[in-house]
N, C-alpha and C. Protein backbone atom coordinates (compact mmCIF):
# COMPACT_ATOMS: atom_id res chain seq x y z
N MET A 1 -35.53 23.29 -59.63
CA MET A 1 -35.34 23.31 -58.17
C MET A 1 -35.66 21.96 -57.56
N GLY A 2 -36.81 21.31 -58.10
CA GLY A 2 -37.20 20.00 -57.60
C GLY A 2 -36.20 18.94 -57.96
N LYS A 3 -35.59 19.08 -59.15
CA LYS A 3 -34.59 18.11 -59.59
C LYS A 3 -33.35 18.18 -58.70
N LEU A 4 -32.96 19.39 -58.30
CA LEU A 4 -31.79 19.60 -57.44
C LEU A 4 -32.02 18.98 -56.06
N THR A 5 -33.22 19.16 -55.53
CA THR A 5 -33.58 18.59 -54.22
C THR A 5 -33.54 17.08 -54.27
N LYS A 6 -34.02 16.52 -55.36
CA LYS A 6 -34.04 15.07 -55.53
C LYS A 6 -32.62 14.51 -55.59
N THR A 7 -31.73 15.24 -56.29
CA THR A 7 -30.33 14.82 -56.38
C THR A 7 -29.65 14.84 -55.01
N LEU A 8 -29.93 15.89 -54.23
CA LEU A 8 -29.35 16.00 -52.88
C LEU A 8 -29.83 14.86 -51.98
N LEU A 9 -31.10 14.53 -52.08
CA LEU A 9 -31.66 13.44 -51.27
C LEU A 9 -31.00 12.11 -51.61
N GLN A 10 -30.80 11.85 -52.92
CA GLN A 10 -30.15 10.62 -53.36
C GLN A 10 -28.72 10.54 -52.84
N ARG A 11 -28.00 11.69 -52.85
CA ARG A 11 -26.61 11.73 -52.38
C ARG A 11 -26.53 11.43 -50.87
N GLU A 12 -27.47 12.01 -50.10
CA GLU A 12 -27.49 11.79 -48.65
C GLU A 12 -27.76 10.33 -48.32
N ARG A 13 -28.69 9.71 -49.11
CA ARG A 13 -29.01 8.30 -48.90
C ARG A 13 -27.81 7.42 -49.18
N MET A 14 -27.07 7.74 -50.25
CA MET A 14 -25.89 6.96 -50.60
C MET A 14 -24.82 7.06 -49.52
N GLN A 15 -24.60 8.30 -49.00
CA GLN A 15 -23.60 8.51 -47.93
C GLN A 15 -23.98 7.73 -46.66
N ALA A 16 -25.28 7.76 -46.32
CA ALA A 16 -25.76 7.03 -45.14
C ALA A 16 -25.58 5.54 -45.32
N SER A 17 -25.83 5.05 -46.54
CA SER A 17 -25.69 3.62 -46.84
C SER A 17 -24.24 3.18 -46.72
N VAL A 18 -23.29 3.99 -47.26
CA VAL A 18 -21.86 3.68 -47.18
C VAL A 18 -21.38 3.67 -45.73
N LYS A 19 -21.83 4.67 -44.96
CA LYS A 19 -21.44 4.77 -43.55
C LYS A 19 -21.91 3.56 -42.74
N GLN A 20 -23.17 3.15 -43.01
CA GLN A 20 -23.75 2.00 -42.31
C GLN A 20 -23.01 0.72 -42.68
N SER A 21 -22.62 0.62 -43.97
CA SER A 21 -21.90 -0.56 -44.44
C SER A 21 -20.54 -0.67 -43.77
N LYS A 22 -19.82 0.48 -43.65
CA LYS A 22 -18.50 0.51 -43.00
C LYS A 22 -18.61 0.10 -41.54
N GLN A 23 -19.62 0.66 -40.84
CA GLN A 23 -19.81 0.36 -39.42
C GLN A 23 -20.12 -1.10 -39.22
N SER A 24 -20.97 -1.65 -40.13
CA SER A 24 -21.35 -3.05 -40.04
C SER A 24 -20.12 -3.95 -40.23
N THR A 25 -19.24 -3.54 -41.16
CA THR A 25 -18.02 -4.33 -41.41
C THR A 25 -17.09 -4.30 -40.19
N LEU A 26 -16.92 -3.12 -39.58
CA LEU A 26 -16.05 -2.99 -38.39
C LEU A 26 -16.59 -3.80 -37.22
N ASP A 27 -17.91 -3.72 -37.01
CA ASP A 27 -18.52 -4.48 -35.91
C ASP A 27 -18.36 -5.98 -36.13
N ASN A 28 -18.50 -6.37 -37.42
CA ASN A 28 -18.38 -7.77 -37.78
C ASN A 28 -16.96 -8.28 -37.49
N LEU A 29 -15.95 -7.46 -37.86
CA LEU A 29 -14.56 -7.84 -37.61
C LEU A 29 -14.28 -7.92 -36.12
N ALA A 30 -14.80 -6.95 -35.37
CA ALA A 30 -14.61 -6.95 -33.92
C ALA A 30 -15.20 -8.21 -33.29
N TYR A 31 -16.36 -8.64 -33.82
CA TYR A 31 -17.01 -9.84 -33.28
C TYR A 31 -16.20 -11.09 -33.62
N GLN A 32 -15.74 -11.18 -34.90
CA GLN A 32 -15.02 -12.36 -35.36
C GLN A 32 -13.70 -12.55 -34.60
N PHE A 33 -12.99 -11.48 -34.38
CA PHE A 33 -11.67 -11.57 -33.73
C PHE A 33 -11.73 -11.29 -32.23
N ASN A 34 -12.95 -11.16 -31.70
CA ASN A 34 -13.16 -10.92 -30.25
C ASN A 34 -12.39 -9.69 -29.79
N ILE A 35 -12.50 -8.60 -30.55
CA ILE A 35 -11.82 -7.35 -30.21
C ILE A 35 -12.73 -6.53 -29.30
N GLN A 36 -12.21 -6.15 -28.13
CA GLN A 36 -12.98 -5.31 -27.22
C GLN A 36 -12.68 -3.86 -27.52
N ARG A 37 -13.72 -3.13 -27.87
CA ARG A 37 -13.55 -1.73 -28.24
C ARG A 37 -13.73 -0.86 -27.00
N THR A 38 -12.69 -0.13 -26.68
CA THR A 38 -12.74 0.76 -25.52
C THR A 38 -12.35 2.16 -25.94
N ASN A 39 -12.95 3.14 -25.28
CA ASN A 39 -12.67 4.54 -25.59
C ASN A 39 -11.37 5.01 -24.94
N LYS A 40 -11.07 4.45 -23.75
CA LYS A 40 -9.88 4.87 -23.01
C LYS A 40 -9.00 3.66 -22.72
N ALA A 41 -7.69 3.90 -22.70
CA ALA A 41 -6.75 2.83 -22.36
C ALA A 41 -6.91 2.50 -20.88
N SER A 42 -7.08 1.22 -20.56
CA SER A 42 -7.29 0.81 -19.17
C SER A 42 -5.99 0.90 -18.38
N LYS A 43 -6.09 1.44 -17.17
CA LYS A 43 -4.93 1.57 -16.29
C LYS A 43 -4.99 0.48 -15.21
N PRO A 44 -3.83 -0.08 -14.82
CA PRO A 44 -3.85 -1.08 -13.76
C PRO A 44 -4.32 -0.47 -12.44
N ALA A 45 -5.16 -1.19 -11.72
CA ALA A 45 -5.71 -0.68 -10.46
C ALA A 45 -4.63 -0.62 -9.40
N LYS A 46 -4.67 0.46 -8.59
CA LYS A 46 -3.73 0.59 -7.49
C LYS A 46 -4.14 -0.38 -6.38
N THR A 47 -3.15 -1.02 -5.77
CA THR A 47 -3.44 -2.03 -4.75
C THR A 47 -2.42 -1.94 -3.62
N ILE A 48 -2.92 -2.07 -2.39
CA ILE A 48 -2.05 -2.21 -1.21
C ILE A 48 -2.21 -3.64 -0.71
N ILE A 49 -1.12 -4.36 -0.57
CA ILE A 49 -1.16 -5.75 -0.11
C ILE A 49 -0.33 -5.88 1.17
N ILE A 50 -0.96 -6.28 2.27
CA ILE A 50 -0.22 -6.59 3.51
C ILE A 50 0.24 -8.03 3.39
N THR A 51 1.53 -8.21 3.19
CA THR A 51 2.06 -9.56 2.92
C THR A 51 2.30 -10.36 4.20
N ASP A 52 2.66 -9.69 5.30
CA ASP A 52 2.96 -10.44 6.52
C ASP A 52 2.93 -9.52 7.74
N ILE A 53 2.55 -10.09 8.88
CA ILE A 53 2.66 -9.41 10.18
C ILE A 53 3.41 -10.37 11.10
N ALA A 54 4.62 -9.99 11.47
CA ALA A 54 5.44 -10.83 12.34
C ALA A 54 5.54 -10.17 13.72
N SER A 55 5.64 -10.99 14.77
CA SER A 55 5.70 -10.46 16.14
C SER A 55 6.90 -11.02 16.88
N ALA A 56 7.43 -10.21 17.80
CA ALA A 56 8.55 -10.64 18.64
C ALA A 56 8.37 -10.01 20.02
N THR A 57 8.54 -10.82 21.06
CA THR A 57 8.35 -10.34 22.44
C THR A 57 9.71 -10.09 23.09
N LYS A 58 9.83 -8.92 23.74
CA LYS A 58 11.05 -8.59 24.48
C LYS A 58 10.64 -7.92 25.78
N GLU A 59 10.87 -8.60 26.88
CA GLU A 59 10.46 -8.13 28.20
C GLU A 59 8.97 -7.77 28.19
N ASP A 60 8.64 -6.49 28.39
CA ASP A 60 7.23 -6.09 28.41
C ASP A 60 6.83 -5.36 27.13
N GLU A 61 7.50 -5.68 26.05
CA GLU A 61 7.20 -5.05 24.76
C GLU A 61 6.88 -6.11 23.72
N LEU A 62 6.05 -5.70 22.78
CA LEU A 62 5.72 -6.58 21.65
C LEU A 62 5.98 -5.79 20.36
N ALA A 63 6.95 -6.29 19.57
CA ALA A 63 7.28 -5.62 18.31
C ALA A 63 6.50 -6.28 17.17
N LEU A 64 5.82 -5.45 16.40
CA LEU A 64 5.07 -5.93 15.24
C LEU A 64 5.74 -5.41 13.97
N LYS A 65 6.19 -6.32 13.14
CA LYS A 65 6.78 -5.93 11.85
C LYS A 65 5.75 -6.18 10.76
N ILE A 66 5.31 -5.09 10.14
CA ILE A 66 4.26 -5.16 9.12
C ILE A 66 4.92 -5.01 7.75
N GLU A 67 4.82 -6.04 6.93
CA GLU A 67 5.38 -6.00 5.58
C GLU A 67 4.25 -5.81 4.58
N PHE A 68 4.45 -4.88 3.63
CA PHE A 68 3.40 -4.62 2.65
C PHE A 68 3.99 -4.23 1.30
N SER A 69 3.17 -4.37 0.26
CA SER A 69 3.56 -4.03 -1.10
C SER A 69 2.59 -3.00 -1.67
N LEU A 70 3.12 -2.10 -2.50
CA LEU A 70 2.31 -1.10 -3.18
C LEU A 70 2.39 -1.37 -4.68
N LEU A 71 1.26 -1.67 -5.29
CA LEU A 71 1.22 -2.02 -6.70
C LEU A 71 0.22 -1.12 -7.43
N PRO A 72 0.46 -0.85 -8.71
CA PRO A 72 1.49 -1.43 -9.56
C PRO A 72 2.89 -0.89 -9.28
N SER A 73 3.00 0.26 -8.61
CA SER A 73 4.31 0.81 -8.29
C SER A 73 4.17 1.78 -7.15
N LYS A 74 5.22 1.89 -6.36
CA LYS A 74 5.21 2.87 -5.27
C LYS A 74 5.08 4.29 -5.80
N GLN A 75 5.44 4.50 -7.09
CA GLN A 75 5.35 5.84 -7.68
C GLN A 75 3.91 6.34 -7.70
N SER A 76 2.95 5.39 -7.59
CA SER A 76 1.53 5.78 -7.61
C SER A 76 1.05 6.23 -6.24
N PHE A 77 1.88 6.04 -5.22
CA PHE A 77 1.48 6.37 -3.85
C PHE A 77 2.39 7.45 -3.27
N SER A 78 1.85 8.28 -2.41
CA SER A 78 2.66 9.24 -1.67
C SER A 78 2.48 9.04 -0.16
N LYS A 79 1.24 8.70 0.23
CA LYS A 79 0.95 8.43 1.64
C LYS A 79 -0.10 7.34 1.75
N VAL A 80 0.02 6.51 2.77
CA VAL A 80 -1.03 5.55 3.10
C VAL A 80 -1.29 5.61 4.60
N ASN A 81 -2.50 5.30 4.99
CA ASN A 81 -2.85 5.27 6.41
C ASN A 81 -2.76 3.85 6.94
N LEU A 82 -2.28 3.73 8.17
CA LEU A 82 -2.15 2.43 8.81
C LEU A 82 -2.83 2.48 10.17
N ASP A 83 -3.88 1.67 10.34
CA ASP A 83 -4.61 1.59 11.61
C ASP A 83 -4.30 0.26 12.27
N LEU A 84 -3.99 0.30 13.57
CA LEU A 84 -3.64 -0.90 14.32
C LEU A 84 -4.71 -1.17 15.38
N TYR A 85 -5.24 -2.40 15.37
CA TYR A 85 -6.28 -2.80 16.32
C TYR A 85 -5.78 -3.93 17.22
N PHE A 86 -6.20 -3.88 18.49
CA PHE A 86 -5.89 -4.93 19.46
C PHE A 86 -7.21 -5.36 20.08
N GLN A 87 -7.64 -6.60 19.81
CA GLN A 87 -8.93 -7.09 20.31
C GLN A 87 -10.08 -6.13 19.95
N GLU A 88 -10.11 -5.69 18.69
CA GLU A 88 -11.16 -4.79 18.16
C GLU A 88 -11.06 -3.36 18.70
N HIS A 89 -10.06 -3.05 19.51
CA HIS A 89 -9.86 -1.67 19.99
C HIS A 89 -8.76 -1.03 19.14
N MET A 90 -9.04 0.15 18.56
CA MET A 90 -8.00 0.83 17.78
C MET A 90 -6.93 1.37 18.73
N LEU A 91 -5.69 0.94 18.50
CA LEU A 91 -4.58 1.41 19.32
C LEU A 91 -3.94 2.65 18.73
N ASN A 92 -3.84 2.68 17.40
CA ASN A 92 -3.06 3.74 16.78
C ASN A 92 -3.45 3.89 15.32
N SER A 93 -3.37 5.13 14.82
CA SER A 93 -3.59 5.40 13.40
C SER A 93 -2.48 6.33 12.94
N LYS A 94 -1.74 5.91 11.92
CA LYS A 94 -0.59 6.68 11.45
C LYS A 94 -0.66 6.92 9.95
N THR A 95 -0.16 8.07 9.53
CA THR A 95 0.01 8.34 8.11
C THR A 95 1.45 8.02 7.74
N VAL A 96 1.63 7.09 6.82
CA VAL A 96 2.96 6.64 6.44
C VAL A 96 3.34 7.29 5.12
N SER A 97 4.43 8.07 5.13
CA SER A 97 4.91 8.73 3.91
C SER A 97 5.75 7.74 3.11
N ILE A 98 5.48 7.67 1.82
CA ILE A 98 6.19 6.74 0.94
C ILE A 98 7.27 7.50 0.19
N PRO A 99 8.53 7.18 0.41
CA PRO A 99 9.62 7.89 -0.28
C PRO A 99 9.67 7.50 -1.76
N GLN A 100 9.97 8.47 -2.61
CA GLN A 100 10.14 8.21 -4.04
C GLN A 100 11.64 8.18 -4.33
N SER A 101 12.17 6.98 -4.50
CA SER A 101 13.60 6.84 -4.71
C SER A 101 13.88 5.67 -5.64
N PRO A 102 14.83 5.83 -6.57
CA PRO A 102 15.18 4.72 -7.47
C PRO A 102 15.83 3.55 -6.72
N LEU A 103 16.25 3.78 -5.48
CA LEU A 103 16.86 2.71 -4.68
C LEU A 103 15.81 1.76 -4.11
N LEU A 104 14.55 2.20 -4.08
CA LEU A 104 13.50 1.41 -3.44
C LEU A 104 12.72 0.59 -4.44
N ASN A 105 12.23 -0.58 -3.99
CA ASN A 105 11.29 -1.34 -4.81
C ASN A 105 9.89 -1.09 -4.27
N ASP A 106 8.94 -1.96 -4.59
CA ASP A 106 7.55 -1.74 -4.18
C ASP A 106 7.21 -2.42 -2.86
N ASN A 107 8.21 -3.04 -2.19
CA ASN A 107 7.97 -3.76 -0.94
C ASN A 107 8.57 -2.99 0.23
N PHE A 108 7.80 -2.90 1.32
CA PHE A 108 8.22 -2.11 2.48
C PHE A 108 7.95 -2.88 3.76
N GLU A 109 8.57 -2.42 4.83
CA GLU A 109 8.26 -2.94 6.16
C GLU A 109 8.17 -1.78 7.14
N TYR A 110 7.30 -1.95 8.13
CA TYR A 110 7.05 -0.89 9.10
C TYR A 110 6.84 -1.54 10.46
N THR A 111 7.52 -1.04 11.47
CA THR A 111 7.46 -1.66 12.80
C THR A 111 6.76 -0.76 13.80
N GLN A 112 5.89 -1.36 14.60
CA GLN A 112 5.26 -0.66 15.72
C GLN A 112 5.54 -1.44 17.00
N ILE A 113 5.87 -0.71 18.07
CA ILE A 113 6.20 -1.32 19.35
C ILE A 113 5.05 -1.10 20.33
N LEU A 114 4.53 -2.20 20.88
CA LEU A 114 3.46 -2.11 21.87
C LEU A 114 4.03 -2.27 23.27
N ASP A 115 3.62 -1.37 24.16
CA ASP A 115 3.99 -1.49 25.58
C ASP A 115 2.97 -2.41 26.24
N MET A 116 3.39 -3.64 26.54
CA MET A 116 2.47 -4.65 27.06
C MET A 116 2.49 -4.73 28.59
N LYS A 117 3.08 -3.75 29.25
CA LYS A 117 3.17 -3.78 30.71
C LYS A 117 1.77 -3.82 31.32
N GLY A 118 1.50 -4.85 32.12
CA GLY A 118 0.20 -4.97 32.78
C GLY A 118 -0.79 -5.82 32.01
N VAL A 119 -0.46 -6.20 30.77
CA VAL A 119 -1.36 -7.06 29.99
C VAL A 119 -1.13 -8.51 30.40
N GLY A 120 -2.19 -9.20 30.76
CA GLY A 120 -2.07 -10.58 31.23
C GLY A 120 -1.80 -11.55 30.10
N ALA A 121 -1.44 -12.78 30.48
CA ALA A 121 -1.18 -13.82 29.49
C ALA A 121 -2.47 -14.18 28.78
N GLY A 122 -2.34 -14.50 27.48
CA GLY A 122 -3.53 -14.88 26.73
C GLY A 122 -3.29 -14.86 25.23
N ASN A 123 -4.34 -15.24 24.50
CA ASN A 123 -4.30 -15.23 23.05
C ASN A 123 -5.02 -13.97 22.56
N TYR A 124 -4.31 -13.13 21.82
CA TYR A 124 -4.86 -11.83 21.43
C TYR A 124 -4.91 -11.68 19.90
N LEU A 125 -5.98 -11.02 19.45
CA LEU A 125 -6.16 -10.76 18.02
C LEU A 125 -5.62 -9.38 17.68
N ILE A 126 -4.73 -9.32 16.71
CA ILE A 126 -4.18 -8.04 16.24
C ILE A 126 -4.54 -7.88 14.77
N ARG A 127 -5.08 -6.72 14.41
CA ARG A 127 -5.50 -6.46 13.04
C ARG A 127 -4.87 -5.17 12.52
N VAL A 128 -4.43 -5.21 11.29
CA VAL A 128 -3.85 -4.03 10.63
C VAL A 128 -4.73 -3.68 9.43
N GLU A 129 -5.09 -2.42 9.31
CA GLU A 129 -5.84 -1.94 8.16
C GLU A 129 -5.02 -0.86 7.45
N MET A 130 -4.95 -0.92 6.13
CA MET A 130 -4.20 0.07 5.36
C MET A 130 -5.07 0.57 4.21
N TYR A 131 -4.92 1.87 3.90
CA TYR A 131 -5.74 2.48 2.85
C TYR A 131 -5.21 3.87 2.53
N GLU A 132 -5.70 4.42 1.42
CA GLU A 132 -5.47 5.83 1.10
C GLU A 132 -6.70 6.61 1.53
N LEU A 133 -6.50 7.76 2.15
CA LEU A 133 -7.63 8.55 2.66
C LEU A 133 -7.82 9.79 1.81
N TRP A 134 -8.99 9.91 1.19
CA TRP A 134 -9.32 11.11 0.40
C TRP A 134 -9.80 12.22 1.32
N ALA A 135 -9.83 13.44 0.76
CA ALA A 135 -10.29 14.60 1.54
C ALA A 135 -11.74 14.41 1.99
N SER A 136 -12.52 13.64 1.21
CA SER A 136 -13.92 13.41 1.55
C SER A 136 -14.08 12.41 2.70
N GLY A 137 -12.96 11.79 3.11
CA GLY A 137 -13.01 10.79 4.17
C GLY A 137 -13.16 9.38 3.66
N GLU A 138 -13.26 9.21 2.33
CA GLU A 138 -13.42 7.89 1.74
C GLU A 138 -12.10 7.11 1.80
N LYS A 139 -12.19 5.83 2.16
CA LYS A 139 -11.01 4.97 2.24
C LYS A 139 -10.85 4.23 0.91
N LEU A 140 -9.77 4.55 0.18
CA LEU A 140 -9.52 3.92 -1.11
C LEU A 140 -8.46 2.83 -0.97
N ASN A 141 -8.52 1.82 -1.85
CA ASN A 141 -7.55 0.72 -1.87
C ASN A 141 -7.41 0.07 -0.49
N PHE A 142 -8.55 -0.09 0.18
CA PHE A 142 -8.57 -0.62 1.55
C PHE A 142 -8.15 -2.09 1.58
N THR A 143 -7.32 -2.44 2.56
CA THR A 143 -6.94 -3.84 2.77
C THR A 143 -6.72 -4.08 4.26
N THR A 144 -6.86 -5.32 4.68
CA THR A 144 -6.70 -5.64 6.10
C THR A 144 -6.10 -7.04 6.26
N LYS A 145 -5.42 -7.23 7.38
CA LYS A 145 -4.84 -8.55 7.71
C LYS A 145 -4.79 -8.67 9.22
N GLU A 146 -5.02 -9.87 9.74
CA GLU A 146 -4.99 -10.05 11.20
C GLU A 146 -4.25 -11.32 11.57
N ILE A 147 -3.72 -11.33 12.80
CA ILE A 147 -3.02 -12.49 13.32
C ILE A 147 -3.42 -12.70 14.79
N ASN A 148 -3.28 -13.92 15.25
CA ASN A 148 -3.47 -14.24 16.67
C ASN A 148 -2.10 -14.41 17.32
N ILE A 149 -1.92 -13.78 18.46
CA ILE A 149 -0.64 -13.85 19.16
C ILE A 149 -0.84 -14.43 20.56
N GLU A 150 -0.05 -15.43 20.87
CA GLU A 150 -0.04 -16.00 22.22
C GLU A 150 0.98 -15.23 23.04
N TYR A 151 0.50 -14.43 24.00
CA TYR A 151 1.40 -13.57 24.77
C TYR A 151 1.56 -14.08 26.20
N THR A 152 2.82 -14.17 26.63
CA THR A 152 3.13 -14.54 28.01
C THR A 152 4.05 -13.48 28.60
N PRO A 153 3.60 -12.71 29.60
CA PRO A 153 4.45 -11.68 30.19
C PRO A 153 5.65 -12.27 30.91
N GLN A 154 6.77 -11.57 30.84
CA GLN A 154 7.98 -12.06 31.50
C GLN A 154 8.11 -11.54 32.93
N THR A 155 7.31 -10.53 33.25
CA THR A 155 7.29 -10.02 34.63
C THR A 155 5.85 -9.95 35.12
N ARG A 156 5.65 -10.09 36.40
CA ARG A 156 4.31 -10.03 36.97
C ARG A 156 4.02 -8.61 37.46
N GLU A 157 2.88 -8.08 37.04
CA GLU A 157 2.46 -6.74 37.47
C GLU A 157 1.31 -6.84 38.46
N GLU A 158 1.32 -5.95 39.45
CA GLU A 158 0.24 -5.94 40.44
C GLU A 158 -1.08 -5.49 39.80
N ARG A 159 -0.96 -4.52 38.88
CA ARG A 159 -2.18 -3.99 38.24
C ARG A 159 -2.22 -4.42 36.78
N LEU A 160 -3.32 -5.07 36.40
CA LEU A 160 -3.46 -5.54 35.03
C LEU A 160 -4.28 -4.55 34.19
N VAL A 161 -3.96 -4.50 32.91
CA VAL A 161 -4.71 -3.66 31.96
C VAL A 161 -5.19 -4.55 30.81
N ASN A 162 -6.25 -4.10 30.13
CA ASN A 162 -6.81 -4.88 29.03
C ASN A 162 -6.21 -4.53 27.68
N ILE A 163 -5.76 -3.26 27.56
CA ILE A 163 -5.29 -2.79 26.26
C ILE A 163 -3.88 -2.22 26.41
N PRO A 164 -2.94 -2.61 25.56
CA PRO A 164 -1.58 -2.03 25.61
C PRO A 164 -1.57 -0.64 24.99
N THR A 165 -0.43 0.01 25.06
CA THR A 165 -0.26 1.32 24.41
C THR A 165 0.86 1.20 23.38
N VAL A 166 0.81 2.10 22.40
CA VAL A 166 1.84 2.12 21.36
C VAL A 166 2.92 3.09 21.78
N LYS A 167 4.17 2.67 21.68
CA LYS A 167 5.30 3.55 22.00
C LYS A 167 5.25 4.76 21.09
N SER A 168 5.35 5.95 21.65
CA SER A 168 5.26 7.18 20.86
C SER A 168 6.48 7.36 19.98
N VAL A 169 6.23 7.92 18.80
CA VAL A 169 7.30 8.22 17.85
C VAL A 169 7.19 9.69 17.47
N VAL A 170 8.32 10.39 17.43
CA VAL A 170 8.33 11.82 17.13
C VAL A 170 7.90 12.03 15.67
N GLY A 171 7.00 12.98 15.45
CA GLY A 171 6.57 13.30 14.09
C GLY A 171 5.28 12.60 13.73
N GLU A 172 4.42 13.29 12.97
CA GLU A 172 3.15 12.72 12.57
C GLU A 172 3.33 11.74 11.42
N ASP A 173 4.13 12.12 10.42
CA ASP A 173 4.36 11.27 9.26
C ASP A 173 5.64 10.47 9.45
N LEU A 174 5.59 9.22 9.13
CA LEU A 174 6.75 8.35 9.27
C LEU A 174 7.21 7.89 7.91
N VAL A 175 8.49 7.97 7.67
CA VAL A 175 9.04 7.51 6.41
C VAL A 175 9.39 6.03 6.52
N VAL A 176 8.91 5.25 5.58
CA VAL A 176 9.17 3.82 5.58
C VAL A 176 10.49 3.56 4.88
N VAL A 177 11.29 2.69 5.46
CA VAL A 177 12.55 2.29 4.84
C VAL A 177 12.41 0.84 4.41
N SER A 178 12.67 0.57 3.15
CA SER A 178 12.53 -0.78 2.63
C SER A 178 13.74 -1.62 3.02
N PRO A 179 13.65 -2.97 2.96
CA PRO A 179 14.79 -3.83 3.27
C PRO A 179 16.00 -3.53 2.38
N ALA A 180 15.75 -3.20 1.11
CA ALA A 180 16.85 -2.91 0.18
C ALA A 180 17.62 -1.67 0.64
N GLU A 181 16.87 -0.64 1.05
CA GLU A 181 17.52 0.58 1.49
C GLU A 181 18.23 0.37 2.83
N LYS A 182 17.67 -0.47 3.69
CA LYS A 182 18.32 -0.78 4.97
C LYS A 182 19.70 -1.40 4.73
N THR A 183 19.76 -2.31 3.75
CA THR A 183 21.03 -2.97 3.42
C THR A 183 22.06 -1.96 2.97
N ILE A 184 21.62 -1.01 2.12
CA ILE A 184 22.54 0.03 1.62
C ILE A 184 23.04 0.89 2.77
N TYR A 185 22.11 1.29 3.65
CA TYR A 185 22.51 2.11 4.81
C TYR A 185 23.50 1.35 5.70
N ARG A 186 23.25 0.02 5.88
CA ARG A 186 24.13 -0.80 6.72
C ARG A 186 25.53 -0.88 6.13
N GLU A 187 25.59 -1.04 4.79
CA GLU A 187 26.89 -1.10 4.12
C GLU A 187 27.64 0.23 4.24
N ILE A 188 26.91 1.34 4.09
CA ILE A 188 27.53 2.66 4.23
C ILE A 188 28.07 2.84 5.66
N GLU A 189 27.26 2.41 6.64
CA GLU A 189 27.66 2.53 8.05
C GLU A 189 28.92 1.71 8.32
N GLN A 190 28.99 0.50 7.75
CA GLN A 190 30.16 -0.36 7.95
C GLN A 190 31.41 0.25 7.30
N ASP A 191 31.23 0.85 6.10
CA ASP A 191 32.35 1.51 5.42
C ASP A 191 32.88 2.68 6.23
N LEU A 192 31.94 3.45 6.82
CA LEU A 192 32.34 4.60 7.65
C LEU A 192 33.11 4.13 8.88
N LYS A 193 32.67 3.01 9.48
CA LYS A 193 33.37 2.47 10.66
C LYS A 193 34.79 2.03 10.29
N LYS A 194 34.93 1.37 9.12
CA LYS A 194 36.24 0.91 8.66
C LYS A 194 37.18 2.09 8.43
N GLU A 195 36.61 3.17 7.82
CA GLU A 195 37.42 4.37 7.58
C GLU A 195 37.88 4.98 8.89
N SER A 196 36.95 5.01 9.88
CA SER A 196 37.27 5.59 11.18
C SER A 196 38.39 4.80 11.87
N ILE A 197 38.30 3.46 11.81
CA ILE A 197 39.30 2.60 12.43
C ILE A 197 40.65 2.76 11.72
N SER A 198 40.59 2.87 10.38
CA SER A 198 41.81 3.04 9.58
C SER A 198 42.52 4.34 9.93
N LYS A 199 41.75 5.41 10.07
CA LYS A 199 42.34 6.72 10.42
C LYS A 199 42.96 6.68 11.81
N ARG A 200 42.28 5.95 12.73
CA ARG A 200 42.79 5.84 14.10
C ARG A 200 44.13 5.10 14.12
N ASP A 201 44.24 4.04 13.28
CA ASP A 201 45.46 3.26 13.22
C ASP A 201 46.60 4.08 12.61
N ASP A 202 46.26 4.97 11.66
CA ASP A 202 47.29 5.82 11.04
C ASP A 202 47.90 6.79 12.03
N TRP A 203 47.09 7.23 13.00
CA TRP A 203 47.61 8.15 14.02
C TRP A 203 48.57 7.40 14.93
C-alpha cells in the first residue's frame, strides 16, 4: 500500500514539473516576441465625432449645420442625443434616429434653425453636445464642439431678448439624412421631373 502511494506521489510531481516547464516556455516565448496575451478579442471603441458646425444667417433666422461621424460604423448606433447650447443656456435637446441603410456611410449632417428675432448684435458662443443615453441616465461616447458666431440682425426690434428659440419640428425623433443620400434623392427628384415634362409634351 505504501509503495503504491509513493508511486502516485512521484507521478503527480512529474506531471506538475512538466506543466510548469510548458508554462515557463510559453511565457518565455510571449516575452521574446512581445506577444500580448488577452482572454477576449478587443473591439474598437464606439466614437461620435462632431466634425464641423457651420452657420448661415437669413433675415431673423440662424441656420446651424452640424456635421458628425459615427465610428467604427453607423451600424453600432441606433440613436444619439444632441444638445444645443447658446451662451451656456440649453436651447434644445433632441434624440436623433440613425437610419440603417447600405446607401449611407458613417458621416451625417443635421440642421437646426434658430429664431433670432429680438436678439441684439454681438458675438455669441454656440455649443453642441452629442452622446448615447443609457437607461441609467449615463452619457456614453460623449463629445462636444463649440463655435463663436458674430451675429448682426437685419431688422430692428423694439423688444430685445437674450436667448433665441429653436424652430419646432414635428416628431420627437428625427431621421438624419446623409449627404450621399441627399444626392440620390435629388437625382430621383430630377428624373421624376423629366418624366413629368416628357409626358406633358407627349400630350
